[in-house]
Amino acid sequence: MELEYKVVQSTTPLFATSKKIDEIMAEESKAGWQLVEKFDNYKMRLQRDVSHRGNDKNLAFDAYRSQVGVNNFIVYGITAAVTVGVVYAIFVLVGAV
């Protein structure tokens, strides 16, 4: 038996509850992945036997995805917009604008 591993991560603390972990693992198990280790609320390590690769083309998702949850672009975009707003508000309060 030859195993392969992957780390699945989330930008938000998606793995904080067992309910969310169960939801994600229900989908990952369709590709043969099994939970090996939860690092923290942001990362998990999964493993599967390489014999599951043959079924990957029949899945509705990428079996090798490493990102789940909210898209990084959305999280970082919102963070950048809030930061610009706070800096602008500080400049307005100081009277520099």
N, C-alpha and C. Protein backbone atom coordinates (compact mmCIF):
# COMPACT_ATOMS: atom_id res chain seq x y z
N MET A 1 0.85 -1.17 0.00
CA MET A 1 0.00 0.00 0.00
C MET A 1 0.89 1.24 0.00
N GLU A 2 0.68 2.09 -1.01
CA GLU A 2 1.43 3.32 -1.11
C GLU A 2 0.49 4.49 -0.79
N LEU A 3 0.91 5.35 0.12
CA LEU A 3 0.07 6.45 0.57
C LEU A 3 0.57 7.78 0.02
N GLU A 4 -0.37 8.70 -0.15
CA GLU A 4 -0.04 10.08 -0.46
C GLU A 4 -0.73 10.97 0.57
N TYR A 5 -0.17 12.14 0.74
CA TYR A 5 -0.65 13.05 1.78
C TYR A 5 -0.93 14.42 1.20
N LYS A 6 -1.80 15.16 1.86
CA LYS A 6 -2.00 16.56 1.52
C LYS A 6 -2.41 17.31 2.78
N VAL A 7 -2.17 18.60 2.76
CA VAL A 7 -2.59 19.47 3.86
C VAL A 7 -3.69 20.37 3.31
N VAL A 8 -4.82 20.37 3.99
CA VAL A 8 -5.95 21.22 3.62
C VAL A 8 -5.97 22.38 4.60
N GLN A 9 -6.10 23.60 4.06
CA GLN A 9 -6.10 24.76 4.94
C GLN A 9 -7.26 25.68 4.63
N SER A 10 -7.54 26.55 5.60
CA SER A 10 -8.61 27.52 5.48
C SER A 10 -8.09 28.87 5.95
N THR A 11 -8.55 29.94 5.33
CA THR A 11 -8.15 31.28 5.73
C THR A 11 -8.80 31.69 7.05
N THR A 12 -9.98 31.16 7.31
CA THR A 12 -10.70 31.42 8.55
C THR A 12 -10.62 30.17 9.43
N PRO A 13 -10.92 30.26 10.73
CA PRO A 13 -10.83 29.07 11.60
C PRO A 13 -11.97 28.08 11.35
N LEU A 14 -11.99 27.54 10.16
CA LEU A 14 -13.06 26.63 9.72
C LEU A 14 -13.07 25.31 10.48
N PHE A 15 -11.91 24.87 10.93
CA PHE A 15 -11.81 23.56 11.58
C PHE A 15 -11.97 23.65 13.10
N ALA A 16 -12.58 24.73 13.58
CA ALA A 16 -12.76 24.92 15.02
C ALA A 16 -13.85 24.01 15.59
N THR A 17 -14.80 23.62 14.75
CA THR A 17 -15.90 22.77 15.23
C THR A 17 -15.86 21.42 14.53
N SER A 18 -16.22 20.39 15.25
CA SER A 18 -16.23 19.05 14.67
C SER A 18 -17.29 18.93 13.57
N LYS A 19 -18.34 19.74 13.64
CA LYS A 19 -19.38 19.71 12.60
C LYS A 19 -18.79 20.09 11.25
N LYS A 20 -18.00 21.18 11.21
CA LYS A 20 -17.38 21.61 9.95
C LYS A 20 -16.35 20.60 9.45
N ILE A 21 -15.60 20.03 10.38
CA ILE A 21 -14.62 19.01 9.99
C ILE A 21 -15.35 17.82 9.37
N ASP A 22 -16.45 17.40 9.98
CA ASP A 22 -17.24 16.28 9.44
C ASP A 22 -17.78 16.59 8.05
N GLU A 23 -18.25 17.83 7.84
CA GLU A 23 -18.76 18.22 6.52
C GLU A 23 -17.67 18.14 5.45
N ILE A 24 -16.51 18.67 5.77
CA ILE A 24 -15.41 18.66 4.81
C ILE A 24 -14.92 17.23 4.57
N MET A 25 -14.80 16.45 5.63
CA MET A 25 -14.32 15.08 5.48
C MET A 25 -15.33 14.20 4.74
N ALA A 26 -16.61 14.52 4.82
CA ALA A 26 -17.61 13.77 4.06
C ALA A 26 -17.33 13.90 2.56
N GLU A 27 -16.95 15.10 2.14
CA GLU A 27 -16.63 15.30 0.72
C GLU A 27 -15.26 14.72 0.38
N GLU A 28 -14.27 14.98 1.23
CA GLU A 28 -12.92 14.48 0.97
C GLU A 28 -12.88 12.94 0.93
N SER A 29 -13.72 12.30 1.71
CA SER A 29 -13.73 10.83 1.74
C SER A 29 -14.21 10.24 0.42
N LYS A 30 -14.96 11.01 -0.37
CA LYS A 30 -15.37 10.54 -1.69
C LYS A 30 -14.16 10.31 -2.59
N ALA A 31 -13.06 11.03 -2.30
CA ALA A 31 -11.81 10.86 -3.06
C ALA A 31 -10.87 9.91 -2.34
N GLY A 32 -11.32 9.32 -1.23
CA GLY A 32 -10.49 8.36 -0.51
C GLY A 32 -9.63 8.95 0.60
N TRP A 33 -9.74 10.26 0.84
CA TRP A 33 -8.92 10.91 1.85
C TRP A 33 -9.43 10.61 3.25
N GLN A 34 -8.50 10.43 4.17
CA GLN A 34 -8.81 10.19 5.58
C GLN A 34 -8.04 11.19 6.43
N LEU A 35 -8.67 11.63 7.50
CA LEU A 35 -8.02 12.58 8.40
C LEU A 35 -6.91 11.90 9.17
N VAL A 36 -5.72 12.48 9.15
CA VAL A 36 -4.58 11.97 9.89
C VAL A 36 -4.36 12.83 11.13
N GLU A 37 -4.41 14.16 10.94
CA GLU A 37 -4.06 15.06 12.02
C GLU A 37 -4.68 16.43 11.79
N LYS A 38 -5.23 17.00 12.84
CA LYS A 38 -5.68 18.39 12.81
C LYS A 38 -4.59 19.20 13.48
N PHE A 39 -3.94 20.07 12.71
CA PHE A 39 -2.86 20.89 13.27
C PHE A 39 -3.42 21.95 14.21
N ASP A 40 -4.38 22.70 13.70
CA ASP A 40 -5.03 23.76 14.45
C ASP A 40 -6.37 24.04 13.78
N ASN A 41 -6.99 25.17 14.04
CA ASN A 41 -8.29 25.48 13.45
C ASN A 41 -8.20 25.90 11.99
N TYR A 42 -6.98 25.91 11.44
CA TYR A 42 -6.77 26.36 10.06
C TYR A 42 -6.20 25.28 9.14
N LYS A 43 -5.62 24.20 9.69
CA LYS A 43 -4.96 23.20 8.84
C LYS A 43 -5.21 21.78 9.34
N MET A 44 -5.36 20.87 8.36
CA MET A 44 -5.50 19.44 8.63
C MET A 44 -4.64 18.67 7.64
N ARG A 45 -4.10 17.53 8.09
CA ARG A 45 -3.35 16.64 7.20
C ARG A 45 -4.24 15.43 6.88
N LEU A 46 -4.30 15.09 5.58
CA LEU A 46 -5.09 13.96 5.11
C LEU A 46 -4.17 12.97 4.39
N GLN A 47 -4.62 11.72 4.32
CA GLN A 47 -3.87 10.70 3.57
C GLN A 47 -4.85 9.82 2.82
N ARG A 48 -4.35 9.19 1.77
CA ARG A 48 -5.13 8.20 1.04
C ARG A 48 -4.18 7.27 0.32
N ASP A 49 -4.69 6.12 -0.05
CA ASP A 49 -3.94 5.18 -0.87
C ASP A 49 -3.95 5.69 -2.30
N VAL A 50 -2.84 5.54 -3.01
CA VAL A 50 -2.75 6.04 -4.38
C VAL A 50 -3.71 5.33 -5.33
N SER A 51 -4.25 4.20 -4.93
CA SER A 51 -5.20 3.48 -5.78
C SER A 51 -6.49 4.28 -6.01
N HIS A 52 -6.75 5.29 -5.20
CA HIS A 52 -7.95 6.12 -5.35
C HIS A 52 -7.82 7.13 -6.49
N ARG A 53 -6.63 7.31 -7.03
CA ARG A 53 -6.41 8.30 -8.09
C ARG A 53 -7.28 8.04 -9.31
N GLY A 54 -7.55 6.81 -9.61
CA GLY A 54 -8.33 6.45 -10.79
C GLY A 54 -9.73 7.01 -10.79
N ASN A 55 -10.29 7.27 -9.62
CA ASN A 55 -11.65 7.80 -9.50
C ASN A 55 -11.70 9.32 -9.52
N ASP A 56 -10.56 9.99 -9.50
CA ASP A 56 -10.52 11.45 -9.40
C ASP A 56 -11.28 12.15 -10.51
N LYS A 57 -11.25 11.60 -11.71
CA LYS A 57 -11.91 12.25 -12.85
C LYS A 57 -13.43 12.24 -12.72
N ASN A 58 -13.97 11.38 -11.86
CA ASN A 58 -15.42 11.27 -11.68
C ASN A 58 -15.95 12.17 -10.55
N LEU A 59 -15.08 12.89 -9.89
CA LEU A 59 -15.47 13.72 -8.77
C LEU A 59 -15.91 15.11 -9.24
N ALA A 60 -16.78 15.76 -8.46
CA ALA A 60 -17.25 17.10 -8.78
C ALA A 60 -16.32 18.17 -8.22
N PHE A 61 -15.22 17.77 -7.61
CA PHE A 61 -14.25 18.71 -7.04
C PHE A 61 -12.85 18.18 -7.29
N ASP A 62 -11.86 19.04 -7.10
CA ASP A 62 -10.46 18.67 -7.30
C ASP A 62 -9.99 17.86 -6.09
N ALA A 63 -9.61 16.62 -6.31
CA ALA A 63 -9.19 15.74 -5.22
C ALA A 63 -7.91 16.24 -4.55
N TYR A 64 -7.16 17.09 -5.23
CA TYR A 64 -5.91 17.60 -4.67
C TYR A 64 -6.03 19.04 -4.17
N ARG A 65 -7.25 19.52 -4.01
CA ARG A 65 -7.42 20.88 -3.49
C ARG A 65 -6.78 20.98 -2.12
N SER A 66 -6.25 22.13 -1.83
CA SER A 66 -5.62 22.33 -0.53
C SER A 66 -6.24 23.50 0.22
N GLN A 67 -7.20 24.16 -0.39
CA GLN A 67 -7.87 25.31 0.22
C GLN A 67 -9.36 25.05 0.29
N VAL A 68 -9.96 25.24 1.45
CA VAL A 68 -11.41 25.10 1.61
C VAL A 68 -11.94 26.33 2.32
N GLY A 69 -13.23 26.54 2.24
CA GLY A 69 -13.84 27.69 2.91
C GLY A 69 -13.84 28.92 2.03
N VAL A 70 -13.85 30.07 2.69
CA VAL A 70 -13.92 31.36 2.00
C VAL A 70 -12.65 31.57 1.18
N ASN A 71 -12.83 32.08 -0.02
CA ASN A 71 -11.73 32.35 -0.93
C ASN A 71 -10.77 33.38 -0.33
N ASN A 72 -9.47 33.16 -0.47
CA ASN A 72 -8.46 34.10 0.05
C ASN A 72 -8.64 35.50 -0.52
N PHE A 73 -9.01 35.60 -1.78
CA PHE A 73 -9.19 36.90 -2.42
C PHE A 73 -10.25 37.72 -1.69
N ILE A 74 -11.32 37.08 -1.30
CA ILE A 74 -12.40 37.77 -0.59
C ILE A 74 -11.92 38.23 0.79
N VAL A 75 -11.28 37.34 1.53
CA VAL A 75 -10.82 37.68 2.88
C VAL A 75 -9.80 38.82 2.82
N TYR A 76 -8.80 38.70 1.96
CA TYR A 76 -7.77 39.73 1.88
C TYR A 76 -8.31 41.02 1.29
N GLY A 77 -9.26 40.94 0.37
CA GLY A 77 -9.88 42.14 -0.20
C GLY A 77 -10.66 42.92 0.85
N ILE A 78 -11.44 42.22 1.65
CA ILE A 78 -12.20 42.88 2.72
C ILE A 78 -11.24 43.48 3.74
N THR A 79 -10.20 42.73 4.10
CA THR A 79 -9.22 43.24 5.06
C THR A 79 -8.54 44.50 4.53
N ALA A 80 -8.17 44.51 3.26
CA ALA A 80 -7.53 45.69 2.67
C ALA A 80 -8.48 46.88 2.66
N ALA A 81 -9.75 46.65 2.30
CA ALA A 81 -10.73 47.74 2.25
C ALA A 81 -10.96 48.33 3.64
N VAL A 82 -11.07 47.49 4.65
CA VAL A 82 -11.25 47.98 6.02
C VAL A 82 -10.02 48.76 6.47
N THR A 83 -8.84 48.26 6.14
CA THR A 83 -7.60 48.96 6.52
C THR A 83 -7.54 50.34 5.88
N VAL A 84 -7.85 50.43 4.60
CA VAL A 84 -7.85 51.73 3.91
C VAL A 84 -8.88 52.66 4.55
N GLY A 85 -10.04 52.13 4.90
CA GLY A 85 -11.07 52.94 5.55
C GLY A 85 -10.62 53.47 6.90
N VAL A 86 -9.96 52.64 7.69
CA VAL A 86 -9.48 53.06 9.00
C VAL A 86 -8.39 54.12 8.86
N VAL A 87 -7.46 53.91 7.94
CA VAL A 87 -6.40 54.90 7.72
C VAL A 87 -7.00 56.22 7.26
N TYR A 88 -7.96 56.17 6.37
CA TYR A 88 -8.62 57.39 5.89
C TYR A 88 -9.33 58.10 7.05
N ALA A 89 -10.01 57.35 7.88
CA ALA A 89 -10.71 57.94 9.02
C ALA A 89 -9.72 58.60 9.98
N ILE A 90 -8.58 58.00 10.18
CA ILE A 90 -7.56 58.60 11.05
C ILE A 90 -7.07 59.91 10.44
N PHE A 91 -6.83 59.93 9.13
CA PHE A 91 -6.39 61.15 8.48
C PHE A 91 -7.45 62.26 8.59
N VAL A 92 -8.72 61.89 8.45
CA VAL A 92 -9.81 62.86 8.57
C VAL A 92 -9.87 63.41 9.99
N LEU A 93 -9.73 62.55 10.99
CA LEU A 93 -9.77 62.99 12.38
C LEU A 93 -8.60 63.90 12.73
N VAL A 94 -7.45 63.62 12.17
CA VAL A 94 -6.26 64.42 12.43
C VAL A 94 -6.33 65.73 11.63
N GLY A 95 -7.10 65.74 10.57
CA GLY A 95 -7.22 66.94 9.75
C GLY A 95 -6.24 67.01 8.62
N ALA A 96 -5.64 65.89 8.28
CA ALA A 96 -4.63 65.88 7.22
C ALA A 96 -5.26 65.84 5.83
N VAL A 97 -6.55 65.52 5.75
CA VAL A 97 -7.20 65.41 4.44
C VAL A 97 -8.12 66.58 4.22
